[in-house]
Amino acid sequence: MKRKRYTPEFKSQVVLEVLKEEKTMNEIASSHGIHVNQIRQWRNAFLEQMPLIFAKENKKADQMKADYENQIENLYAEVGRLTTQLSWLKKKSGIKE
């Protein structure tokens, strides 16, 4: 007999139903045709991994901020180089501002 496979979306929907506490776990299990122990495992996995979701968001935001700051720093360095080159060219060619 082949094991049933459930999509992450379906699991999430079932776990949200459990967390709403509008029905008992037994009622939810019965309405979806899933054993209550399976739902309990999904709920526990969600609760254990929930803090990681926020940590990942913070890591992404921190990485984006670091990339942005690095890009700004590189642009200022480029502006400095170009300003120096322009001044040197003006001096060498005798152009006055």
PDB file of N, CA and C in Angstrom:
ATOM      1  N   MET A   1       0.848  -1.194   0.000  1.00  0.00           N
ATOM      2  CA  MET A   1       0.000   0.000   0.000  1.00  0.00           C
ATOM      3  C   MET A   1       0.885   1.247   0.000  1.00  0.00           C
ATOM      4  N   LYS A   2       0.560   2.163  -0.877  1.00  0.00           N
ATOM      5  CA  LYS A   2       1.350   3.382  -1.027  1.00  0.00           C
ATOM      6  C   LYS A   2       0.933   4.413   0.028  1.00  0.00           C
ATOM      7  N   ARG A   3       1.952   5.079   0.598  1.00  0.00           N
ATOM      8  CA  ARG A   3       1.682   6.111   1.608  1.00  0.00           C
ATOM      9  C   ARG A   3       1.114   7.350   0.945  1.00  0.00           C
ATOM     10  N   LYS A   4       0.207   7.996   1.667  1.00  0.00           N
ATOM     11  CA  LYS A   4      -0.345   9.249   1.158  1.00  0.00           C
ATOM     12  C   LYS A   4       0.678  10.347   1.330  1.00  0.00           C
ATOM     13  N   ARG A   5       0.731  11.241   0.375  1.00  0.00           N
ATOM     14  CA  ARG A   5       1.614  12.406   0.439  1.00  0.00           C
ATOM     15  C   ARG A   5       0.733  13.650   0.480  1.00  0.00           C
ATOM     16  N   TYR A   6       1.087  14.579   1.335  1.00  0.00           N
ATOM     17  CA  TYR A   6       0.325  15.813   1.475  1.00  0.00           C
ATOM     18  C   TYR A   6       1.213  16.996   1.119  1.00  0.00           C
ATOM     19  N   THR A   7       0.628  17.971   0.453  1.00  0.00           N
ATOM     20  CA  THR A   7       1.392  19.157   0.057  1.00  0.00           C
ATOM     21  C   THR A   7       1.659  20.031   1.287  1.00  0.00           C
ATOM     22  N   PRO A   8       2.707  20.828   1.236  1.00  0.00           N
ATOM     23  CA  PRO A   8       2.960  21.765   2.335  1.00  0.00           C
ATOM     24  C   PRO A   8       1.787  22.720   2.554  1.00  0.00           C
ATOM     25  N   GLU A   9       1.113  23.097   1.479  1.00  0.00           N
ATOM     26  CA  GLU A   9      -0.037  23.996   1.600  1.00  0.00           C
ATOM     27  C   GLU A   9      -1.167  23.331   2.395  1.00  0.00           C
ATOM     28  N   PHE A  10      -1.416  22.059   2.093  1.00  0.00           N
ATOM     29  CA  PHE A  10      -2.456  21.322   2.800  1.00  0.00           C
ATOM     30  C   PHE A  10      -2.108  21.182   4.274  1.00  0.00           C
ATOM     31  N   LYS A  11      -0.858  20.821   4.552  1.00  0.00           N
ATOM     32  CA  LYS A  11      -0.415  20.680   5.941  1.00  0.00           C
ATOM     33  C   LYS A  11      -0.577  21.999   6.682  1.00  0.00           C
ATOM     34  N   SER A  12      -0.203  23.085   6.025  1.00  0.00           N
ATOM     35  CA  SER A  12      -0.320  24.408   6.642  1.00  0.00           C
ATOM     36  C   SER A  12      -1.772  24.735   6.958  1.00  0.00           C
ATOM     37  N   GLN A  13      -2.658  24.412   6.030  1.00  0.00           N
ATOM     38  CA  GLN A  13      -4.083  24.664   6.226  1.00  0.00           C
ATOM     39  C   GLN A  13      -4.609  23.893   7.439  1.00  0.00           C
ATOM     40  N   VAL A  14      -4.211  22.645   7.549  1.00  0.00           N
ATOM     41  CA  VAL A  14      -4.662  21.808   8.665  1.00  0.00           C
ATOM     42  C   VAL A  14      -4.109  22.342   9.991  1.00  0.00           C
ATOM     43  N   VAL A  15      -2.834  22.707  10.006  1.00  0.00           N
ATOM     44  CA  VAL A  15      -2.213  23.236  11.231  1.00  0.00           C
ATOM     45  C   VAL A  15      -2.887  24.543  11.635  1.00  0.00           C
ATOM     46  N   LEU A  16      -3.222  25.391  10.675  1.00  0.00           N
ATOM     47  CA  LEU A  16      -3.922  26.634  11.000  1.00  0.00           C
ATOM     48  C   LEU A  16      -5.286  26.352  11.624  1.00  0.00           C
ATOM     49  N   GLU A  17      -5.964  25.346  11.102  1.00  0.00           N
ATOM     50  CA  GLU A  17      -7.252  24.955  11.698  1.00  0.00           C
ATOM     51  C   GLU A  17      -7.058  24.545  13.155  1.00  0.00           C
ATOM     52  N   VAL A  18      -5.997  23.793  13.426  1.00  0.00           N
ATOM     53  CA  VAL A  18      -5.717  23.341  14.792  1.00  0.00           C
ATOM     54  C   VAL A  18      -5.433  24.541  15.683  1.00  0.00           C
ATOM     55  N   LEU A  19      -4.637  25.480  15.184  1.00  0.00           N
ATOM     56  CA  LEU A  19      -4.248  26.636  15.995  1.00  0.00           C
ATOM     57  C   LEU A  19      -5.412  27.589  16.263  1.00  0.00           C
ATOM     58  N   LYS A  20      -6.403  27.600  15.375  1.00  0.00           N
ATOM     59  CA  LYS A  20      -7.585  28.447  15.595  1.00  0.00           C
ATOM     60  C   LYS A  20      -8.413  27.950  16.781  1.00  0.00           C
ATOM     61  N   GLU A  21      -8.286  26.659  17.073  1.00  0.00           N
ATOM     62  CA  GLU A  21      -8.985  26.014  18.184  1.00  0.00           C
ATOM     63  C   GLU A  21     -10.503  26.148  18.108  1.00  0.00           C
ATOM     64  N   GLU A  22     -11.041  26.189  16.881  1.00  0.00           N
ATOM     65  CA  GLU A  22     -12.488  26.219  16.704  1.00  0.00           C
ATOM     66  C   GLU A  22     -13.074  24.808  16.741  1.00  0.00           C
ATOM     67  N   LYS A  23     -12.233  23.818  16.389  1.00  0.00           N
ATOM     68  CA  LYS A  23     -12.620  22.407  16.420  1.00  0.00           C
ATOM     69  C   LYS A  23     -11.554  21.651  17.195  1.00  0.00           C
ATOM     70  N   THR A  24     -11.931  20.481  17.686  1.00  0.00           N
ATOM     71  CA  THR A  24     -10.933  19.642  18.350  1.00  0.00           C
ATOM     72  C   THR A  24     -10.049  19.000  17.286  1.00  0.00           C
ATOM     73  N   MET A  25      -8.901  18.516  17.719  1.00  0.00           N
ATOM     74  CA  MET A  25      -8.007  17.846  16.783  1.00  0.00           C
ATOM     75  C   MET A  25      -8.669  16.607  16.190  1.00  0.00           C
ATOM     76  N   ASN A  26      -9.451  15.921  16.999  1.00  0.00           N
ATOM     77  CA  ASN A  26     -10.161  14.736  16.497  1.00  0.00           C
ATOM     78  C   ASN A  26     -11.155  15.110  15.403  1.00  0.00           C
ATOM     79  N   GLU A  27     -11.855  16.234  15.569  1.00  0.00           N
ATOM     80  CA  GLU A  27     -12.811  16.670  14.551  1.00  0.00           C
ATOM     81  C   GLU A  27     -12.083  17.034  13.249  1.00  0.00           C
ATOM     82  N   ILE A  28     -10.969  17.724  13.384  1.00  0.00           N
ATOM     83  CA  ILE A  28     -10.189  18.116  12.196  1.00  0.00           C
ATOM     84  C   ILE A  28      -9.646  16.875  11.498  1.00  0.00           C
ATOM     85  N   ALA A  29      -9.123  15.936  12.279  1.00  0.00           N
ATOM     86  CA  ALA A  29      -8.582  14.698  11.715  1.00  0.00           C
ATOM     87  C   ALA A  29      -9.675  13.940  10.967  1.00  0.00           C
ATOM     88  N   SER A  30     -10.830  13.849  11.557  1.00  0.00           N
ATOM     89  CA  SER A  30     -11.950  13.136  10.946  1.00  0.00           C
ATOM     90  C   SER A  30     -12.403  13.822   9.655  1.00  0.00           C
ATOM     91  N   SER A  31     -12.500  15.153   9.677  1.00  0.00           N
ATOM     92  CA  SER A  31     -12.987  15.865   8.489  1.00  0.00           C
ATOM     93  C   SER A  31     -12.009  15.770   7.312  1.00  0.00           C
ATOM     94  N   HIS A  32     -10.720  15.605   7.595  1.00  0.00           N
ATOM     95  CA  HIS A  32      -9.726  15.509   6.521  1.00  0.00           C
ATOM     96  C   HIS A  32      -9.283  14.078   6.252  1.00  0.00           C
ATOM     97  N   GLY A  33      -9.744  13.135   7.060  1.00  0.00           N
ATOM     98  CA  GLY A  33      -9.369  11.739   6.863  1.00  0.00           C
ATOM     99  C   GLY A  33      -7.914  11.463   7.190  1.00  0.00           C
ATOM    100  N   ILE A  34      -7.409  12.132   8.219  1.00  0.00           N
ATOM    101  CA  ILE A  34      -6.016  11.990   8.633  1.00  0.00           C
ATOM    102  C   ILE A  34      -6.016  11.537  10.088  1.00  0.00           C
ATOM    103  N   HIS A  35      -5.043  10.731  10.448  1.00  0.00           N
ATOM    104  CA  HIS A  35      -4.932  10.294  11.835  1.00  0.00           C
ATOM    105  C   HIS A  35      -4.514  11.476  12.702  1.00  0.00           C
ATOM    106  N   VAL A  36      -5.062  11.537  13.897  1.00  0.00           N
ATOM    107  CA  VAL A  36      -4.805  12.659  14.799  1.00  0.00           C
ATOM    108  C   VAL A  36      -3.322  12.775  15.160  1.00  0.00           C
ATOM    109  N   ASN A  37      -2.620  11.656  15.225  1.00  0.00           N
ATOM    110  CA  ASN A  37      -1.180  11.704  15.530  1.00  0.00           C
ATOM    111  C   ASN A  37      -0.396  12.412  14.423  1.00  0.00           C
ATOM    112  N   GLN A  38      -0.837  12.234  13.178  1.00  0.00           N
ATOM    113  CA  GLN A  38      -0.188  12.909  12.054  1.00  0.00           C
ATOM    114  C   GLN A  38      -0.350  14.424  12.183  1.00  0.00           C
ATOM    115  N   ILE A  39      -1.556  14.850  12.523  1.00  0.00           N
ATOM    116  CA  ILE A  39      -1.816  16.283  12.702  1.00  0.00           C
ATOM    117  C   ILE A  39      -0.987  16.822  13.861  1.00  0.00           C
ATOM    118  N   ARG A  40      -0.870  16.057  14.919  1.00  0.00           N
ATOM    119  CA  ARG A  40      -0.073  16.474  16.078  1.00  0.00           C
ATOM    120  C   ARG A  40       1.397  16.648  15.675  1.00  0.00           C
ATOM    121  N   GLN A  41       1.909  15.740  14.839  1.00  0.00           N
ATOM    122  CA  GLN A  41       3.296  15.855  14.359  1.00  0.00           C
ATOM    123  C   GLN A  41       3.481  17.114  13.515  1.00  0.00           C
ATOM    124  N   TRP A  42       2.532  17.403  12.632  1.00  0.00           N
ATOM    125  CA  TRP A  42       2.618  18.605  11.800  1.00  0.00           C
ATOM    126  C   TRP A  42       2.595  19.866  12.658  1.00  0.00           C
ATOM    127  N   ARG A  43       1.702  19.873  13.644  1.00  0.00           N
ATOM    128  CA  ARG A  43       1.599  21.035  14.535  1.00  0.00           C
ATOM    129  C   ARG A  43       2.907  21.235  15.299  1.00  0.00           C
ATOM    130  N   ASN A  44       3.457  20.152  15.846  1.00  0.00           N
ATOM    131  CA  ASN A  44       4.706  20.251  16.604  1.00  0.00           C
ATOM    132  C   ASN A  44       5.861  20.708  15.717  1.00  0.00           C
ATOM    133  N   ALA A  45       5.920  20.188  14.494  1.00  0.00           N
ATOM    134  CA  ALA A  45       6.978  20.598  13.557  1.00  0.00           C
ATOM    135  C   ALA A  45       6.850  22.089  13.253  1.00  0.00           C
ATOM    136  N   PHE A  46       5.625  22.539  13.051  1.00  0.00           N
ATOM    137  CA  PHE A  46       5.403  23.962  12.775  1.00  0.00           C
ATOM    138  C   PHE A  46       5.843  24.821  13.952  1.00  0.00           C
ATOM    139  N   LEU A  47       5.436  24.450  15.142  1.00  0.00           N
ATOM    140  CA  LEU A  47       5.767  25.243  16.327  1.00  0.00           C
ATOM    141  C   LEU A  47       7.272  25.270  16.585  1.00  0.00           C
ATOM    142  N   GLU A  48       7.961  24.174  16.291  1.00  0.00           N
ATOM    143  CA  GLU A  48       9.420  24.131  16.473  1.00  0.00           C
ATOM    144  C   GLU A  48      10.142  24.993  15.439  1.00  0.00           C
ATOM    145  N   GLN A  49       9.627  25.015  14.217  1.00  0.00           N
ATOM    146  CA  GLN A  49      10.317  25.713  13.135  1.00  0.00           C
ATOM    147  C   GLN A  49       9.865  27.161  12.953  1.00  0.00           C
ATOM    148  N   MET A  50       8.813  27.556  13.634  1.00  0.00           N
ATOM    149  CA  MET A  50       8.281  28.900  13.481  1.00  0.00           C
ATOM    150  C   MET A  50       9.323  29.992  13.749  1.00  0.00           C
ATOM    151  N   PRO A  51      10.137  29.919  14.809  1.00  0.00           N
ATOM    152  CA  PRO A  51      11.134  30.981  15.025  1.00  0.00           C
ATOM    153  C   PRO A  51      12.146  31.104  13.885  1.00  0.00           C
ATOM    154  N   LEU A  52      12.410  30.001  13.184  1.00  0.00           N
ATOM    155  CA  LEU A  52      13.360  30.040  12.076  1.00  0.00           C
ATOM    156  C   LEU A  52      12.863  30.907  10.919  1.00  0.00           C
ATOM    157  N   ILE A  53      11.553  30.977  10.762  1.00  0.00           N
ATOM    158  CA  ILE A  53      10.980  31.796   9.695  1.00  0.00           C
ATOM    159  C   ILE A  53      11.383  33.250   9.890  1.00  0.00           C
ATOM    160  N   PHE A  54      11.278  33.722  11.118  1.00  0.00           N
ATOM    161  CA  PHE A  54      11.620  35.106  11.395  1.00  0.00           C
ATOM    162  C   PHE A  54      13.123  35.319  11.322  1.00  0.00           C
ATOM    163  N   ALA A  55      13.893  34.335  11.693  1.00  0.00           N
ATOM    164  CA  ALA A  55      15.343  34.453  11.623  1.00  0.00           C
ATOM    165  C   ALA A  55      15.787  34.564  10.166  1.00  0.00           C
ATOM    166  N   LYS A  56      15.166  33.797   9.274  1.00  0.00           N
ATOM    167  CA  LYS A  56      15.505  33.847   7.857  1.00  0.00           C
ATOM    168  C   LYS A  56      15.180  35.218   7.284  1.00  0.00           C
ATOM    169  N   GLU A  57      14.029  35.784   7.669  1.00  0.00           N
ATOM    170  CA  GLU A  57      13.655  37.114   7.178  1.00  0.00           C
ATOM    171  C   GLU A  57      14.681  38.143   7.622  1.00  0.00           C
ATOM    172  N   ASN A  58      15.113  38.042   8.876  1.00  0.00           N
ATOM    173  CA  ASN A  58      16.101  38.988   9.385  1.00  0.00           C
ATOM    174  C   ASN A  58      17.427  38.829   8.666  1.00  0.00           C
ATOM    175  N   LYS A  59      17.825  37.589   8.386  1.00  0.00           N
ATOM    176  CA  LYS A  59      19.078  37.355   7.670  1.00  0.00           C
ATOM    177  C   LYS A  59      19.018  37.962   6.280  1.00  0.00           C
ATOM    178  N   LYS A  60      17.884  37.791   5.613  1.00  0.00           N
ATOM    179  CA  LYS A  60      17.728  38.350   4.270  1.00  0.00           C
ATOM    180  C   LYS A  60      17.784  39.873   4.328  1.00  0.00           C
ATOM    181  N   ALA A  61      17.097  40.462   5.290  1.00  0.00           N
ATOM    182  CA  ALA A  61      17.092  41.923   5.425  1.00  0.00           C
ATOM    183  C   ALA A  61      18.494  42.430   5.752  1.00  0.00           C
ATOM    184  N   ASP A  62      19.197  41.751   6.651  1.00  0.00           N
ATOM    185  CA  ASP A  62      20.555  42.147   7.003  1.00  0.00           C
ATOM    186  C   ASP A  62      21.485  42.036   5.799  1.00  0.00           C
ATOM    187  N   GLN A  63      21.316  40.975   5.011  1.00  0.00           N
ATOM    188  CA  GLN A  63      22.148  40.788   3.826  1.00  0.00           C
ATOM    189  C   GLN A  63      21.863  41.880   2.797  1.00  0.00           C
ATOM    190  N   MET A  64      20.590  42.209   2.608  1.00  0.00           N
ATOM    191  CA  MET A  64      20.231  43.261   1.663  1.00  0.00           C
ATOM    192  C   MET A  64      20.807  44.602   2.116  1.00  0.00           C
ATOM    193  N   LYS A  65      20.750  44.872   3.414  1.00  0.00           N
ATOM    194  CA  LYS A  65      21.288  46.122   3.953  1.00  0.00           C
ATOM    195  C   LYS A  65      22.805  46.179   3.746  1.00  0.00           C
ATOM    196  N   ALA A  66      23.490  45.079   4.023  1.00  0.00           N
ATOM    197  CA  ALA A  66      24.946  45.026   3.845  1.00  0.00           C
ATOM    198  C   ALA A  66      25.311  45.216   2.373  1.00  0.00           C
ATOM    199  N   ASP A  67      24.561  44.575   1.463  1.00  0.00           N
ATOM    200  CA  ASP A  67      24.813  44.725   0.028  1.00  0.00           C
ATOM    201  C   ASP A  67      24.607  46.175  -0.406  1.00  0.00           C
ATOM    202  N   TYR A  68      23.548  46.793   0.102  1.00  0.00           N
ATOM    203  CA  TYR A  68      23.247  48.183  -0.228  1.00  0.00           C
ATOM    204  C   TYR A  68      24.359  49.111   0.266  1.00  0.00           C
ATOM    205  N   GLU A  69      24.781  48.919   1.504  1.00  0.00           N
ATOM    206  CA  GLU A  69      25.842  49.756   2.064  1.00  0.00           C
ATOM    207  C   GLU A  69      27.154  49.560   1.295  1.00  0.00           C
ATOM    208  N   ASN A  70      27.438  48.334   0.898  1.00  0.00           N
ATOM    209  CA  ASN A  70      28.640  48.049   0.111  1.00  0.00           C
ATOM    210  C   ASN A  70      28.570  48.738  -1.252  1.00  0.00           C
ATOM    211  N   GLN A  71      27.391  48.716  -1.865  1.00  0.00           N
ATOM    212  CA  GLN A  71      27.203  49.357  -3.156  1.00  0.00           C
ATOM    213  C   GLN A  71      27.393  50.876  -3.028  1.00  0.00           C
ATOM    214  N   ILE A  72      26.840  51.476  -1.976  1.00  0.00           N
ATOM    215  CA  ILE A  72      27.000  52.919  -1.750  1.00  0.00           C
ATOM    216  C   ILE A  72      28.478  53.261  -1.567  1.00  0.00           C
ATOM    217  N   GLU A  73      29.163  52.453  -0.781  1.00  0.00           N
ATOM    218  CA  GLU A  73      30.595  52.678  -0.537  1.00  0.00           C
ATOM    219  C   GLU A  73      31.384  52.613  -1.850  1.00  0.00           C
ATOM    220  N   ASN A  74      31.073  51.638  -2.684  1.00  0.00           N
ATOM    221  CA  ASN A  74      31.741  51.508  -3.988  1.00  0.00           C
ATOM    222  C   ASN A  74      31.442  52.700  -4.893  1.00  0.00           C
ATOM    223  N   LEU A  75      30.197  53.178  -4.849  1.00  0.00           N
ATOM    224  CA  LEU A  75      29.839  54.328  -5.679  1.00  0.00           C
ATOM    225  C   LEU A  75      30.571  55.593  -5.230  1.00  0.00           C
ATOM    226  N   TYR A  76      30.667  55.809  -3.914  1.00  0.00           N
ATOM    227  CA  TYR A  76      31.415  56.967  -3.411  1.00  0.00           C
ATOM    228  C   TYR A  76      32.892  56.875  -3.812  1.00  0.00           C
ATOM    229  N   ALA A  77      33.453  55.681  -3.760  1.00  0.00           N
ATOM    230  CA  ALA A  77      34.848  55.491  -4.161  1.00  0.00           C
ATOM    231  C   ALA A  77      35.015  55.823  -5.645  1.00  0.00           C
ATOM    232  N   GLU A  78      34.064  55.384  -6.462  1.00  0.00           N
ATOM    233  CA  GLU A  78      34.117  55.669  -7.901  1.00  0.00           C
ATOM    234  C   GLU A  78      33.995  57.164  -8.156  1.00  0.00           C
ATOM    235  N   VAL A  79      33.096  57.843  -7.459  1.00  0.00           N
ATOM    236  CA  VAL A  79      32.949  59.294  -7.603  1.00  0.00           C
ATOM    237  C   VAL A  79      34.257  59.984  -7.225  1.00  0.00           C
ATOM    238  N   GLY A  80      34.885  59.534  -6.181  1.00  0.00           N
ATOM    239  CA  GLY A  80      36.174  60.099  -5.761  1.00  0.00           C
ATOM    240  C   GLY A  80      37.238  59.932  -6.834  1.00  0.00           C
ATOM    241  N   ARG A  81      37.321  58.732  -7.401  1.00  0.00           N
ATOM    242  CA  ARG A  81      38.305  58.477  -8.467  1.00  0.00           C
ATOM    243  C   ARG A  81      38.043  59.360  -9.685  1.00  0.00           C
ATOM    244  N   LEU A  82      36.779  59.448 -10.088  1.00  0.00           N
ATOM    245  CA  LEU A  82      36.431  60.242 -11.264  1.00  0.00           C
ATOM    246  C   LEU A  82      36.685  61.732 -11.034  1.00  0.00           C
ATOM    247  N   THR A  83      36.393  62.209  -9.824  1.00  0.00           N
ATOM    248  CA  THR A  83      36.649  63.614  -9.497  1.00  0.00           C
ATOM    249  C   THR A  83      38.138  63.918  -9.565  1.00  0.00           C
ATOM    250  N   THR A  84      38.931  63.005  -9.029  1.00  0.00           N
ATOM    251  CA  THR A  84      40.386  63.179  -9.071  1.00  0.00           C
ATOM    252  C   THR A  84      40.883  63.181 -10.515  1.00  0.00           C
ATOM    253  N   GLN A  85      40.385  62.250 -11.335  1.00  0.00           N
ATOM    254  CA  GLN A  85      40.799  62.182 -12.746  1.00  0.00           C
ATOM    255  C   GLN A  85      40.384  63.448 -13.490  1.00  0.00           C
ATOM    256  N   LEU A  86      39.191  63.943 -13.230  1.00  0.00           N
ATOM    257  CA  LEU A  86      38.703  65.148 -13.891  1.00  0.00           C
ATOM    258  C   LEU A  86      39.575  66.349 -13.527  1.00  0.00           C
ATOM    259  N   SER A  87      39.889  66.474 -12.259  1.00  0.00           N
ATOM    260  CA  SER A  87      40.751  67.579 -11.817  1.00  0.00           C
ATOM    261  C   SER A  87      42.114  67.490 -12.491  1.00  0.00           C
ATOM    262  N   TRP A  88      42.672  66.298 -12.574  1.00  0.00           N
ATOM    263  CA  TRP A  88      43.985  66.103 -13.190  1.00  0.00           C
ATOM    264  C   TRP A  88      43.941  66.458 -14.673  1.00  0.00           C
ATOM    265  N   LEU A  89      42.857  66.011 -15.349  1.00  0.00           N
ATOM    266  CA  LEU A  89      42.713  66.305 -16.777  1.00  0.00           C
ATOM    267  C   LEU A  89      42.564  67.808 -17.023  1.00  0.00           C
ATOM    268  N   LYS A  90      41.785  68.463 -16.180  1.00  0.00           N
ATOM    269  CA  LYS A  90      41.598  69.903 -16.318  1.00  0.00           C
ATOM    270  C   LYS A  90      42.933  70.629 -16.120  1.00  0.00           C
ATOM    271  N   LYS A  91      43.681  70.199 -15.134  1.00  0.00           N
ATOM    272  CA  LYS A  91      44.975  70.822 -14.830  1.00  0.00           C
ATOM    273  C   LYS A  91      45.936  70.625 -15.997  1.00  0.00           C
ATOM    274  N   LYS A  92      45.987  69.426 -16.545  1.00  0.00           N
ATOM    275  CA  LYS A  92      46.909  69.105 -17.642  1.00  0.00           C
ATOM    276  C   LYS A  92      46.511  69.829 -18.935  1.00  0.00           C
ATOM    277  N   SER A  93      45.214  69.985 -19.172  1.00  0.00           N
ATOM    278  CA  SER A  93      44.787  70.603 -20.426  1.00  0.00           C
ATOM    279  C   SER A  93      44.698  72.106 -20.328  1.00  0.00           C
ATOM    280  N   GLY A  94      44.786  72.632 -19.109  1.00  0.00           N
ATOM    281  CA  GLY A  94      44.751  74.084 -18.933  1.00  0.00           C
ATOM    282  C   GLY A  94      43.350  74.644 -18.919  1.00  0.00           C
ATOM    283  N   ILE A  95      42.339  73.802 -18.794  1.00  0.00           N
ATOM    284  CA  ILE A  95      40.935  74.273 -18.732  1.00  0.00           C
ATOM    285  C   ILE A  95      40.700  74.847 -17.338  1.00  0.00           C
ATOM    286  N   LYS A  96      40.078  76.010 -17.317  1.00  0.00           N
ATOM    287  CA  LYS A  96      39.744  76.625 -16.033  1.00  0.00           C
ATOM    288  C   LYS A  96      38.254  76.436 -15.780  1.00  0.00           C
ATOM    289  N   GLU A  97      37.904  76.317 -14.535  1.00  0.00           N
ATOM    290  CA  GLU A  97      36.496  76.058 -14.182  1.00  0.00           C
ATOM    291  C   GLU A  97      35.658  77.287 -14.270  1.00  0.00           C
TER     292      GLU A  97
END
